N, C-alpha and C. Protein backbone atom coordinates (compact mmCIF):
# COMPACT_ATOMS: atom_id res chain seq x y z
N UNK A 1 38.69 24.72 11.58
CA UNK A 1 39.62 23.69 10.89
C UNK A 1 38.60 23.23 9.90
N UNK A 2 39.18 23.55 8.70
CA UNK A 2 38.31 22.75 7.59
C UNK A 2 38.57 21.56 7.41
N UNK A 3 37.80 20.87 5.98
CA UNK A 3 38.53 19.79 5.91
C UNK A 3 39.07 19.44 4.70
N UNK A 4 39.81 18.93 4.00
CA UNK A 4 40.54 18.87 2.43
C UNK A 4 38.87 18.12 1.58
N UNK A 5 38.96 18.27 0.29
CA UNK A 5 38.73 17.49 -0.65
C UNK A 5 38.96 15.81 -0.60
N UNK A 6 40.23 16.03 -0.59
CA UNK A 6 40.54 14.37 -1.18
C UNK A 6 39.82 13.76 0.58
N UNK A 7 40.24 14.07 1.63
CA UNK A 7 39.53 13.60 2.92
C UNK A 7 37.60 13.42 3.13
N UNK A 8 36.95 14.51 2.67
CA UNK A 8 35.79 13.79 2.33
C UNK A 8 35.42 13.01 1.45
N UNK A 9 36.38 13.10 -0.04
CA UNK A 9 36.18 12.33 -1.26
C UNK A 9 36.41 10.82 -0.45
N UNK A 10 37.32 10.40 0.15
CA UNK A 10 37.72 9.37 0.91
C UNK A 10 36.46 8.95 1.69
N UNK A 11 35.62 9.78 2.71
CA UNK A 11 34.79 9.28 3.15
C UNK A 11 33.68 8.91 2.40
N UNK A 12 33.06 9.32 1.56
CA UNK A 12 31.98 9.21 0.70
C UNK A 12 32.60 7.93 -0.36
N UNK A 13 33.85 7.17 -0.62
CA UNK A 13 33.48 6.05 -1.14
C UNK A 13 33.90 4.88 -0.43
N UNK A 14 34.34 5.84 1.07
CA UNK A 14 34.47 4.46 1.79
C UNK A 14 32.60 4.01 2.38
N UNK A 15 32.06 5.25 2.43
CA UNK A 15 30.33 4.92 2.71
C UNK A 15 30.11 4.20 1.72
N UNK A 16 30.18 4.33 0.66
CA UNK A 16 29.78 3.48 -0.54
C UNK A 16 30.15 2.04 -0.88
N UNK A 17 31.12 1.90 -0.65
CA UNK A 17 32.35 0.95 -0.82
C UNK A 17 31.99 -0.47 0.38
N UNK A 18 32.01 0.23 1.20
CA UNK A 18 32.33 -0.56 2.33
C UNK A 18 31.39 -0.59 3.04
N UNK A 19 30.08 0.49 3.88
CA UNK A 19 29.26 0.69 4.98
C UNK A 19 28.13 0.04 4.31
N UNK A 20 27.97 0.23 3.20
CA UNK A 20 26.15 0.03 2.69
C UNK A 20 26.13 -1.76 2.66
N UNK A 21 27.33 -2.34 2.01
CA UNK A 21 27.02 -4.10 2.18
C UNK A 21 27.74 -4.49 2.81
N UNK A 22 28.40 -3.73 3.94
CA UNK A 22 27.78 -4.23 5.70
C UNK A 22 26.68 -3.73 5.73
N UNK A 23 26.29 -3.16 6.15
CA UNK A 23 25.10 -2.71 6.44
C UNK A 23 24.05 -4.48 5.58
N UNK A 24 24.31 -4.32 4.38
CA UNK A 24 23.63 -5.29 4.04
C UNK A 24 23.89 -6.69 4.39
N UNK A 25 25.27 -6.88 4.24
CA UNK A 25 25.44 -8.73 5.21
C UNK A 25 24.66 -8.73 7.01
N UNK A 26 24.73 -7.85 7.64
CA UNK A 26 24.51 -6.81 8.66
C UNK A 26 22.58 -7.61 8.52
N UNK A 27 21.95 -7.14 7.75
CA UNK A 27 20.49 -7.08 7.57
C UNK A 27 20.46 -8.81 7.37
N UNK A 28 21.29 -9.48 6.55
CA UNK A 28 20.78 -10.87 6.00
C UNK A 28 21.48 -11.78 7.03
N UNK A 29 21.91 -11.17 7.88
CA UNK A 29 22.66 -12.16 9.20
C UNK A 29 21.28 -12.03 10.32
N UNK A 30 20.53 -10.93 10.33
CA UNK A 30 19.47 -10.90 11.14
C UNK A 30 18.34 -11.40 10.69
N UNK A 31 18.16 -11.65 9.39
CA UNK A 31 16.88 -12.39 8.47
C UNK A 31 17.49 -13.79 9.09
N UNK A 32 19.13 -14.34 8.76
CA UNK A 32 19.10 -15.88 9.39
C UNK A 32 18.80 -16.23 10.73
N UNK A 33 18.98 -15.34 11.93
CA UNK A 33 19.08 -15.18 13.06
C UNK A 33 17.71 -14.90 13.19
N UNK A 34 16.66 -14.51 12.80
CA UNK A 34 14.95 -14.38 12.52
C UNK A 34 14.18 -15.93 12.32
N UNK A 35 14.49 -16.40 11.38
CA UNK A 35 14.25 -17.73 11.06
C UNK A 35 14.72 -18.78 11.87
N UNK A 36 16.38 -18.33 12.49
CA UNK A 36 16.55 -20.12 13.41
C UNK A 36 15.62 -19.66 14.62
N UNK A 37 15.40 -18.33 15.08
CA UNK A 37 14.58 -18.28 16.44
C UNK A 37 13.10 -18.57 16.21
N UNK A 38 12.53 -18.44 15.07
CA UNK A 38 10.53 -18.68 14.74
C UNK A 38 10.70 -19.91 14.84
N UNK A 39 12.06 -20.91 13.55
CA UNK A 39 11.87 -22.01 13.68
C UNK A 39 12.03 -22.79 14.80
N UNK A 40 13.13 -22.67 15.65
CA UNK A 40 13.27 -23.19 16.97
C UNK A 40 12.14 -22.60 18.35
N UNK A 41 11.72 -21.95 18.08
CA UNK A 41 11.07 -21.07 19.25
C UNK A 41 9.71 -21.32 18.85
N UNK A 42 9.04 -21.07 17.73
CA UNK A 42 7.62 -21.06 17.26
C UNK A 42 6.23 -22.26 18.20
N UNK A 43 5.90 -21.12 18.59
CA UNK A 43 4.90 -21.81 19.21
C UNK A 43 4.94 -22.06 20.85
N UNK A 44 5.95 -21.57 21.47
CA UNK A 44 6.29 -21.19 22.74
C UNK A 44 6.38 -19.59 23.45
N UNK A 45 6.63 -19.65 24.63
CA UNK A 45 6.13 -18.33 24.79
C UNK A 45 7.30 -17.79 25.69
N UNK A 46 7.06 -16.03 25.63
CA UNK A 46 8.22 -15.67 26.27
C UNK A 46 8.04 -14.32 26.79
N UNK A 47 7.92 -14.24 27.94
CA UNK A 47 6.99 -12.73 28.51
C UNK A 47 5.87 -13.16 28.09
N UNK A 48 5.14 -14.36 28.74
CA UNK A 48 4.19 -14.19 28.16
C UNK A 48 3.04 -14.13 27.00
N UNK A 49 3.92 -14.08 25.76
CA UNK A 49 3.67 -13.98 24.64
C UNK A 49 4.12 -15.04 23.44
N UNK A 50 3.34 -15.21 22.72
CA UNK A 50 3.19 -16.08 21.82
C UNK A 50 3.97 -16.57 20.65
N UNK A 51 5.38 -17.00 20.82
CA UNK A 51 6.08 -16.59 19.69
C UNK A 51 5.50 -16.97 17.99
N UNK A 52 5.54 -15.94 17.04
CA UNK A 52 5.01 -16.49 16.15
C UNK A 52 5.39 -15.34 14.61
N UNK A 53 5.41 -15.68 13.46
CA UNK A 53 5.93 -15.37 12.36
C UNK A 53 5.51 -14.13 12.23
N UNK A 54 5.89 -12.92 11.95
CA UNK A 54 5.35 -11.40 11.62
C UNK A 54 4.93 -11.14 10.29
N UNK A 55 4.10 -11.70 9.63
CA UNK A 55 3.74 -11.54 8.28
C UNK A 55 4.66 -11.63 7.32
N UNK A 56 5.40 -10.63 6.89
CA UNK A 56 6.29 -10.23 5.59
C UNK A 56 7.64 -10.22 6.16
N UNK A 57 8.20 -10.33 7.80
CA UNK A 57 9.12 -9.48 7.89
C UNK A 57 10.34 -10.24 7.28
N UNK A 58 10.15 -11.53 7.23
CA UNK A 58 11.48 -12.21 6.74
C UNK A 58 12.01 -12.13 5.44
N UNK A 59 10.51 -11.89 4.33
CA UNK A 59 10.94 -11.50 2.59
C UNK A 59 11.38 -9.48 3.04
N UNK A 60 10.77 -8.86 3.76
CA UNK A 60 11.62 -7.53 3.81
C UNK A 60 12.79 -7.35 4.13
N UNK A 61 13.21 -8.37 5.00
CA UNK A 61 14.73 -8.37 5.31
C UNK A 61 15.50 -8.90 4.54
N UNK A 62 15.04 -9.91 3.53
CA UNK A 62 16.08 -10.92 3.01
C UNK A 62 16.09 -9.82 1.46
N UNK A 63 15.06 -9.36 1.10
CA UNK A 63 15.23 -8.71 -0.08
C UNK A 63 15.95 -7.20 0.23
N UNK A 64 15.40 -6.55 1.54
CA UNK A 64 16.55 -5.11 1.50
C UNK A 64 17.78 -5.67 2.10
N UNK A 65 17.97 -6.69 2.63
CA UNK A 65 19.81 -6.75 2.91
C UNK A 65 20.47 -7.39 1.16
N UNK A 66 19.63 -8.01 0.10
CA UNK A 66 20.21 -8.10 -0.96
C UNK A 66 20.47 -7.13 -2.06
N UNK A 67 19.80 -6.27 -1.82
CA UNK A 67 19.08 -4.85 -2.31
C UNK A 67 20.72 -4.05 -1.88
N UNK A 68 21.26 -3.79 -0.46
CA UNK A 68 22.05 -3.16 -0.06
C UNK A 68 23.24 -3.72 -0.46
N UNK A 69 23.77 -5.07 -0.45
CA UNK A 69 24.51 -5.88 -1.14
C UNK A 69 24.90 -5.78 -2.55
N UNK A 70 23.87 -5.64 -3.30
CA UNK A 70 24.14 -5.53 -4.71
C UNK A 70 24.43 -3.96 -5.03
N UNK A 71 24.15 -3.04 -4.20
CA UNK A 71 24.28 -1.93 -3.83
C UNK A 71 25.35 -1.28 -5.11
N UNK A 72 26.76 -2.13 -4.77
CA UNK A 72 27.79 -1.25 -5.47
C UNK A 72 28.15 -2.51 -6.99
N UNK A 73 27.15 -3.17 -6.77
CA UNK A 73 26.81 -3.94 -8.75
C UNK A 73 26.33 -2.83 -9.52
N UNK A 74 25.69 -2.18 -9.29
CA UNK A 74 25.02 -0.83 -10.18
C UNK A 74 26.09 -0.53 -11.03
N UNK A 75 25.50 -0.37 -12.15
CA UNK A 75 26.16 0.23 -13.37
C UNK A 75 25.97 1.76 -12.91
N UNK A 76 27.05 2.50 -12.83
CA UNK A 76 27.10 4.13 -12.72
C UNK A 76 26.01 5.14 -13.68
N UNK A 77 25.82 4.52 -14.38
CA UNK A 77 25.15 4.68 -15.69
C UNK A 77 23.59 4.85 -15.37
N UNK A 78 23.08 4.08 -14.21
CA UNK A 78 22.08 3.75 -13.60
C UNK A 78 21.63 5.15 -12.97
N UNK A 79 22.95 5.78 -12.29
CA UNK A 79 22.37 6.56 -11.27
C UNK A 79 22.58 8.68 -12.08
N UNK A 80 23.02 8.25 -13.31
CA UNK A 80 22.91 9.01 -14.06
C UNK A 80 21.88 9.18 -14.96
N UNK A 81 21.18 7.83 -15.14
CA UNK A 81 19.83 7.82 -16.10
C UNK A 81 18.73 8.26 -14.70
N UNK A 82 18.99 8.29 -13.70
CA UNK A 82 18.08 8.62 -12.81
C UNK A 82 18.08 10.15 -12.69
N UNK A 83 19.04 10.62 -12.88
CA UNK A 83 19.09 12.32 -12.54
C UNK A 83 19.21 12.95 -13.73
N UNK A 84 18.69 12.59 -14.83
CA UNK A 84 18.22 12.70 -16.19
C UNK A 84 16.73 12.77 -15.84
N UNK A 85 16.36 11.74 -15.52
CA UNK A 85 14.88 11.68 -15.26
C UNK A 85 14.15 12.58 -13.99
N UNK A 86 14.87 13.08 -13.03
CA UNK A 86 14.48 14.18 -12.21
C UNK A 86 14.47 15.34 -12.51
N UNK A 87 15.58 15.57 -13.35
CA UNK A 87 15.74 16.71 -14.12
C UNK A 87 14.17 17.29 -15.51
N UNK A 88 13.99 16.25 -15.34
CA UNK A 88 12.68 16.21 -16.43
C UNK A 88 12.17 16.43 -15.55
N UNK A 89 11.49 15.91 -15.00
CA UNK A 89 10.18 16.37 -13.68
C UNK A 89 10.30 17.98 -13.29
N UNK A 90 11.32 18.14 -13.33
CA UNK A 90 11.46 19.49 -12.69
C UNK A 90 11.40 20.44 -13.38
N UNK A 91 10.97 20.09 -14.53
CA UNK A 91 10.84 21.06 -15.68
C UNK A 91 9.58 21.40 -16.04
N UNK A 92 8.63 20.30 -15.44
CA UNK A 92 7.38 20.14 -15.85
C UNK A 92 6.17 21.17 -15.06
N UNK A 93 5.67 21.95 -15.58
CA UNK A 93 5.39 23.49 -14.73
C UNK A 93 3.94 22.39 -13.94
N UNK A 94 3.64 23.81 -13.30
CA UNK A 94 2.16 23.33 -12.57
C UNK A 94 0.83 22.95 -13.38
N UNK A 95 0.48 23.50 -14.27
CA UNK A 95 0.18 23.85 -15.46
C UNK A 95 0.19 22.42 -15.82
N UNK A 96 0.94 22.20 -16.23
CA UNK A 96 0.91 21.07 -17.33
C UNK A 96 0.75 19.75 -16.43
N UNK A 97 1.47 19.74 -14.61
CA UNK A 97 0.89 18.86 -14.05
C UNK A 97 -0.74 18.55 -13.71
N UNK A 98 -1.21 19.58 -13.28
CA UNK A 98 -2.81 20.04 -13.45
C UNK A 98 -3.02 18.97 -14.78
N UNK A 99 -2.61 19.44 -15.89
CA UNK A 99 -3.44 18.28 -17.24
C UNK A 99 -3.02 16.96 -16.90
N UNK A 100 -1.82 16.89 -16.59
CA UNK A 100 -1.37 14.93 -16.96
C UNK A 100 -2.51 14.90 -15.33
N UNK A 101 -2.62 15.36 -14.08
CA UNK A 101 -3.42 14.67 -13.10
C UNK A 101 -4.97 15.13 -13.53
N UNK A 102 -5.19 15.64 -14.64
CA UNK A 102 -6.95 15.28 -14.82
C UNK A 102 -6.76 14.48 -15.73
N UNK A 103 -5.64 13.95 -16.80
CA UNK A 103 -5.92 12.95 -17.78
C UNK A 103 -6.07 11.92 -16.82
N UNK A 104 -4.90 11.01 -15.73
CA UNK A 104 -4.84 10.20 -15.04
C UNK A 104 -6.69 10.28 -14.68
N UNK A 105 -6.71 10.98 -13.59
CA UNK A 105 -7.82 10.65 -13.19
C UNK A 105 -9.11 10.34 -14.09
N UNK A 106 -9.34 10.74 -15.44
CA UNK A 106 -9.79 10.46 -16.29
C UNK A 106 -10.02 8.77 -16.90
N UNK A 107 -8.74 8.32 -17.16
CA UNK A 107 -8.91 7.64 -17.69
C UNK A 107 -8.67 6.52 -16.89
N UNK A 108 -8.74 6.56 -14.95
CA UNK A 108 -9.18 5.96 -13.91
C UNK A 108 -10.72 5.69 -14.26
N UNK A 109 -11.30 7.34 -14.11
CA UNK A 109 -12.57 6.59 -14.54
C UNK A 109 -13.02 6.03 -15.42
N UNK A 110 -12.53 6.15 -16.55
CA UNK A 110 -13.45 4.94 -17.59
C UNK A 110 -12.82 3.83 -17.11
N UNK A 111 -11.51 3.34 -16.84
CA UNK A 111 -11.31 2.21 -16.47
C UNK A 111 -11.95 1.96 -15.60
N UNK A 112 -12.44 2.46 -14.41
CA UNK A 112 -12.78 1.76 -13.25
C UNK A 112 -15.02 2.01 -13.47
N UNK A 113 -15.41 2.31 -14.60
CA UNK A 113 -16.64 2.01 -14.76
C UNK A 113 -17.14 1.78 -15.86
N UNK A 114 -16.16 1.07 -16.61
CA UNK A 114 -16.07 0.11 -17.81
C UNK A 114 -16.58 -1.60 -17.47
N UNK A 115 -17.71 -1.85 -17.19
CA UNK A 115 -18.47 -2.95 -17.34
C UNK A 115 -18.71 -3.15 -15.79
N UNK A 116 -19.13 -1.98 -15.18
CA UNK A 116 -19.37 -2.05 -13.37
C UNK A 116 -20.90 -2.17 -13.55
N UNK A 117 -21.13 -3.04 -12.77
CA UNK A 117 -22.48 -4.18 -12.91
C UNK A 117 -22.83 -5.46 -13.42
N UNK A 118 -21.32 -5.77 -14.46
CA UNK A 118 -21.56 -6.97 -15.09
C UNK A 118 -20.80 -7.82 -14.01
N UNK A 119 -19.94 -7.73 -12.77
CA UNK A 119 -19.07 -9.07 -12.40
C UNK A 119 -19.99 -8.72 -11.47
N UNK A 120 -20.17 -10.19 -10.48
CA UNK A 120 -21.06 -10.27 -9.32
C UNK A 120 -20.17 -9.70 -8.08
N UNK A 121 -20.40 -9.77 -6.96
CA UNK A 121 -20.07 -8.90 -5.61
C UNK A 121 -19.06 -9.70 -5.19
N UNK A 122 -18.00 -9.27 -4.82
CA UNK A 122 -16.89 -9.88 -3.71
C UNK A 122 -17.55 -10.10 -2.27
N UNK A 123 -16.70 -10.77 -1.94
CA UNK A 123 -17.49 -11.04 -0.37
C UNK A 123 -17.49 -10.00 0.45
N UNK A 124 -16.23 -8.76 0.74
CA UNK A 124 -17.60 -8.09 1.47
C UNK A 124 -17.86 -6.70 0.62
N UNK A 125 -18.27 -7.10 -0.46
CA UNK A 125 -19.29 -6.35 -0.99
C UNK A 125 -20.48 -7.21 -0.27
N UNK A 126 -20.59 -8.30 -0.71
CA UNK A 126 -21.81 -8.77 -0.42
C UNK A 126 -22.68 -8.50 1.08
N UNK A 127 -21.32 -8.81 1.87
CA UNK A 127 -21.54 -8.53 3.43
C UNK A 127 -22.17 -7.24 3.64
N UNK A 128 -21.49 -6.04 2.85
CA UNK A 128 -21.67 -5.00 3.41
C UNK A 128 -23.09 -4.21 2.91
N UNK A 129 -23.32 -5.05 1.73
CA UNK A 129 -24.70 -5.01 1.22
C UNK A 129 -25.54 -5.21 2.45
N UNK A 130 -25.61 -6.79 2.68
CA UNK A 130 -26.61 -7.11 3.62
C UNK A 130 -26.56 -6.36 5.18
N UNK A 131 -25.52 -5.41 5.18
CA UNK A 131 -25.56 -4.85 7.11
C UNK A 131 -26.13 -3.39 6.24
N UNK A 132 -25.62 -2.95 4.62
CA UNK A 132 -26.83 -1.83 4.64
C UNK A 132 -28.30 -2.04 4.82
N UNK A 133 -28.98 -3.76 4.05
CA UNK A 133 -30.55 -3.96 4.43
C UNK A 133 -30.67 -3.53 5.22
N UNK A 134 -29.97 -4.61 6.56
CA UNK A 134 -30.30 -4.63 7.90
C UNK A 134 -30.49 -2.94 8.61
N UNK A 135 -29.47 -2.01 7.98
CA UNK A 135 -29.63 -0.86 8.77
C UNK A 135 -30.67 -0.46 7.57
N UNK A 136 -31.42 -0.22 6.28
CA UNK A 136 -32.54 0.63 5.43
C UNK A 136 -33.76 -0.49 6.71
N UNK A 137 -33.49 -1.74 6.91
CA UNK A 137 -34.93 -1.78 7.48
C UNK A 137 -34.85 -1.92 9.21
N UNK A 138 -34.03 -2.44 10.04
CA UNK A 138 -33.52 -2.44 11.11
C UNK A 138 -33.94 -1.12 11.82
N UNK A 139 -32.52 -0.12 11.21
CA UNK A 139 -32.14 1.28 11.55
C UNK A 139 -30.71 0.68 12.43
N UNK A 140 -30.10 -0.48 12.29
CA UNK A 140 -28.51 -0.76 12.48
C UNK A 140 -28.39 -1.87 11.39
N UNK A 141 -26.80 -1.74 11.36
CA UNK A 141 -26.24 -2.61 10.74
C UNK A 141 -26.84 -3.88 10.64
N UNK A 142 -27.09 -4.42 11.28
CA UNK A 142 -27.46 -5.87 11.41
C UNK A 142 -27.08 -6.81 10.31
N UNK A 143 -26.46 -8.00 10.43
CA UNK A 143 -26.66 -8.97 9.43
C UNK A 143 -28.03 -10.31 9.08
N UNK A 144 -27.81 -10.37 8.26
CA UNK A 144 -28.89 -11.80 8.46
C UNK A 144 -28.84 -12.62 9.98
N UNK A 145 -27.44 -12.68 9.88
CA UNK A 145 -27.40 -13.99 11.12
C UNK A 145 -27.86 -13.32 12.62
N UNK A 146 -28.04 -12.23 12.66
CA UNK A 146 -28.13 -11.57 13.89
C UNK A 146 -26.81 -10.56 14.39
N UNK A 147 -25.49 -11.01 14.10
CA UNK A 147 -24.65 -10.26 14.24
C UNK A 147 -24.60 -8.48 13.90
N UNK A 148 -24.20 -7.85 14.66
CA UNK A 148 -24.02 -6.21 14.15
C UNK A 148 -22.57 -6.33 13.12
N UNK A 149 -23.10 -5.52 12.41
CA UNK A 149 -21.80 -5.20 11.47
C UNK A 149 -21.12 -3.82 11.63
N UNK A 150 -20.36 -3.60 12.14
CA UNK A 150 -19.77 -2.24 12.71
C UNK A 150 -18.38 -1.70 12.06
N UNK A 151 -17.76 -2.27 11.14
CA UNK A 151 -16.68 -2.07 10.39
C UNK A 151 -17.63 -1.15 8.83
N UNK A 152 -16.65 0.00 8.90
CA UNK A 152 -16.97 0.92 7.95
C UNK A 152 -18.37 1.53 8.09
N UNK A 153 -18.94 2.38 8.80
CA UNK A 153 -19.92 2.18 9.68
C UNK A 153 -20.76 3.00 8.71
N UNK A 154 -19.46 4.11 8.12
CA UNK A 154 -20.27 5.49 7.61
C UNK A 154 -21.05 5.14 6.17
N UNK A 155 -19.79 4.19 5.33
CA UNK A 155 -20.27 3.91 3.89
C UNK A 155 -21.49 2.75 4.29
N UNK A 156 -21.72 1.94 5.24
CA UNK A 156 -22.97 1.75 5.31
C UNK A 156 -24.02 1.92 5.47
N UNK A 157 -24.06 3.69 6.36
CA UNK A 157 -25.30 4.28 6.48
C UNK A 157 -25.38 5.03 4.97
N UNK A 158 -24.30 5.69 3.97
CA UNK A 158 -24.26 5.78 2.82
C UNK A 158 -24.83 4.88 1.78
N UNK A 159 -24.35 3.32 1.99
CA UNK A 159 -25.38 2.44 1.25
C UNK A 159 -26.39 2.45 1.48
N UNK A 160 -26.78 2.81 2.86
CA UNK A 160 -28.69 2.05 3.14
C UNK A 160 -29.35 3.38 2.49
N UNK A 161 -28.78 4.48 2.44
CA UNK A 161 -29.22 5.69 2.16
C UNK A 161 -29.93 5.66 0.44
N UNK A 162 -29.20 5.43 -0.44
CA UNK A 162 -28.61 5.31 -1.69
C UNK A 162 -29.64 4.23 -1.77
N UNK A 163 -29.97 3.38 -0.90
CA UNK A 163 -31.11 2.40 -1.19
C UNK A 163 -32.21 2.72 -1.35
N UNK A 164 -32.61 3.67 -0.40
CA UNK A 164 -33.94 4.34 0.34
C UNK A 164 -34.20 4.69 -0.91
N UNK A 165 -33.41 5.40 -1.34
CA UNK A 165 -33.36 6.47 -2.83
C UNK A 165 -34.01 5.75 -3.57
N UNK A 166 -32.82 5.30 -4.13
CA UNK A 166 -32.87 4.89 -5.29
C UNK A 166 -33.36 2.82 -5.52
N UNK A 167 -33.74 2.62 -4.91
CA UNK A 167 -33.92 0.98 -3.97
C UNK A 167 -32.69 -0.01 -4.16
N UNK A 168 -32.86 -0.89 -3.98
CA UNK A 168 -31.48 -1.99 -3.92
C UNK A 168 -31.57 -2.20 -5.19
N UNK A 169 -30.36 -2.03 -5.82
CA UNK A 169 -29.64 -2.16 -7.00
C UNK A 169 -28.34 -2.51 -7.06
N UNK A 170 -27.42 -3.65 -7.62
CA UNK A 170 -26.23 -4.01 -7.81
C UNK A 170 -25.78 -2.84 -8.24
N UNK A 171 -25.61 -2.43 -9.52
CA UNK A 171 -25.53 -1.04 -10.20
C UNK A 171 -25.13 -0.47 -9.12
N UNK A 172 -25.93 0.06 -8.64
CA UNK A 172 -26.06 1.31 -7.53
C UNK A 172 -24.91 1.22 -6.34
N UNK A 173 -24.92 0.22 -6.31
CA UNK A 173 -24.03 -0.38 -5.14
C UNK A 173 -22.64 0.39 -5.03
N UNK A 174 -22.38 -0.52 -6.58
CA UNK A 174 -20.97 -0.54 -7.03
C UNK A 174 -20.62 0.49 -7.65
N UNK A 175 -21.49 1.27 -8.12
CA UNK A 175 -21.12 2.86 -8.52
C UNK A 175 -20.66 3.39 -6.73
N UNK A 176 -21.67 3.60 -5.96
CA UNK A 176 -21.07 3.88 -4.81
C UNK A 176 -19.70 3.74 -4.14
N UNK A 177 -19.38 2.58 -4.21
CA UNK A 177 -18.48 2.31 -4.22
C UNK A 177 -17.24 3.16 -4.76
N UNK A 178 -17.23 2.87 -6.10
CA UNK A 178 -16.44 3.73 -6.90
C UNK A 178 -16.21 4.79 -7.16
N UNK A 179 -17.26 5.68 -6.55
CA UNK A 179 -17.40 7.07 -6.57
C UNK A 179 -16.56 7.36 -5.20
N UNK A 180 -16.70 6.53 -4.37
CA UNK A 180 -15.54 6.90 -3.09
C UNK A 180 -14.43 6.34 -3.31
N UNK A 181 -13.92 5.49 -3.79
CA UNK A 181 -12.84 5.52 -4.67
C UNK A 181 -11.69 6.72 -5.40
N UNK A 182 -13.22 7.04 -6.02
CA UNK A 182 -12.49 8.04 -6.92
C UNK A 182 -12.30 9.29 -6.24
N UNK A 183 -13.02 9.46 -5.35
CA UNK A 183 -13.10 10.79 -4.58
C UNK A 183 -11.67 10.89 -4.09
N UNK A 184 -11.45 9.34 -3.11
CA UNK A 184 -10.46 9.35 -2.00
C UNK A 184 -9.11 9.56 -3.34
N UNK A 185 -8.92 8.96 -4.59
CA UNK A 185 -7.50 9.26 -5.55
C UNK A 185 -7.62 10.92 -5.91
N UNK A 186 -8.70 11.76 -5.54
CA UNK A 186 -8.27 12.82 -5.96
C UNK A 186 -7.93 13.50 -4.55
N UNK A 187 -8.30 13.14 -3.44
CA UNK A 187 -7.81 14.14 -2.30
C UNK A 187 -6.00 13.93 -2.45
N UNK A 188 -5.55 12.62 -3.11
CA UNK A 188 -3.99 12.43 -3.42
C UNK A 188 -3.71 13.60 -4.17
């Protein structure tokens, strides 16, 4: 038994015109219920757990609901442009993609290394530097306060080794962190 084309067309129209905005309204209602629940029960305990806000969940719910509701109001030309853009990217060969990737990596390298060492440390870099100095002096990543710094142990170890080889230098520390960032970029 096969379905006729009109039946399938009706199902597609009803899905885009009715179901998507209805889901948007349901998400907005979930956002409102979440706001009411958190504002009335914040700080109280439920099953032994303290209720509190979950990061940006309210923003995510509100944004997702508004996008679902406004889906029908988007111009149909927008979908035509997106299909043309998709066809453009499908025409790119693997060799062209490798050239584009190489240009992006070289541009990223130039932008990341430009002015390297001219800015002061960020807080996490300073902490990691102290941990690397402690690793170099005592054999374990100990901060000057006596606390053991176990976050990013491999990074701290590599920084301590570069300090042993090249000496303690802010430029080398930042270069070490930048090369790890560029190495991760090439993995993707």
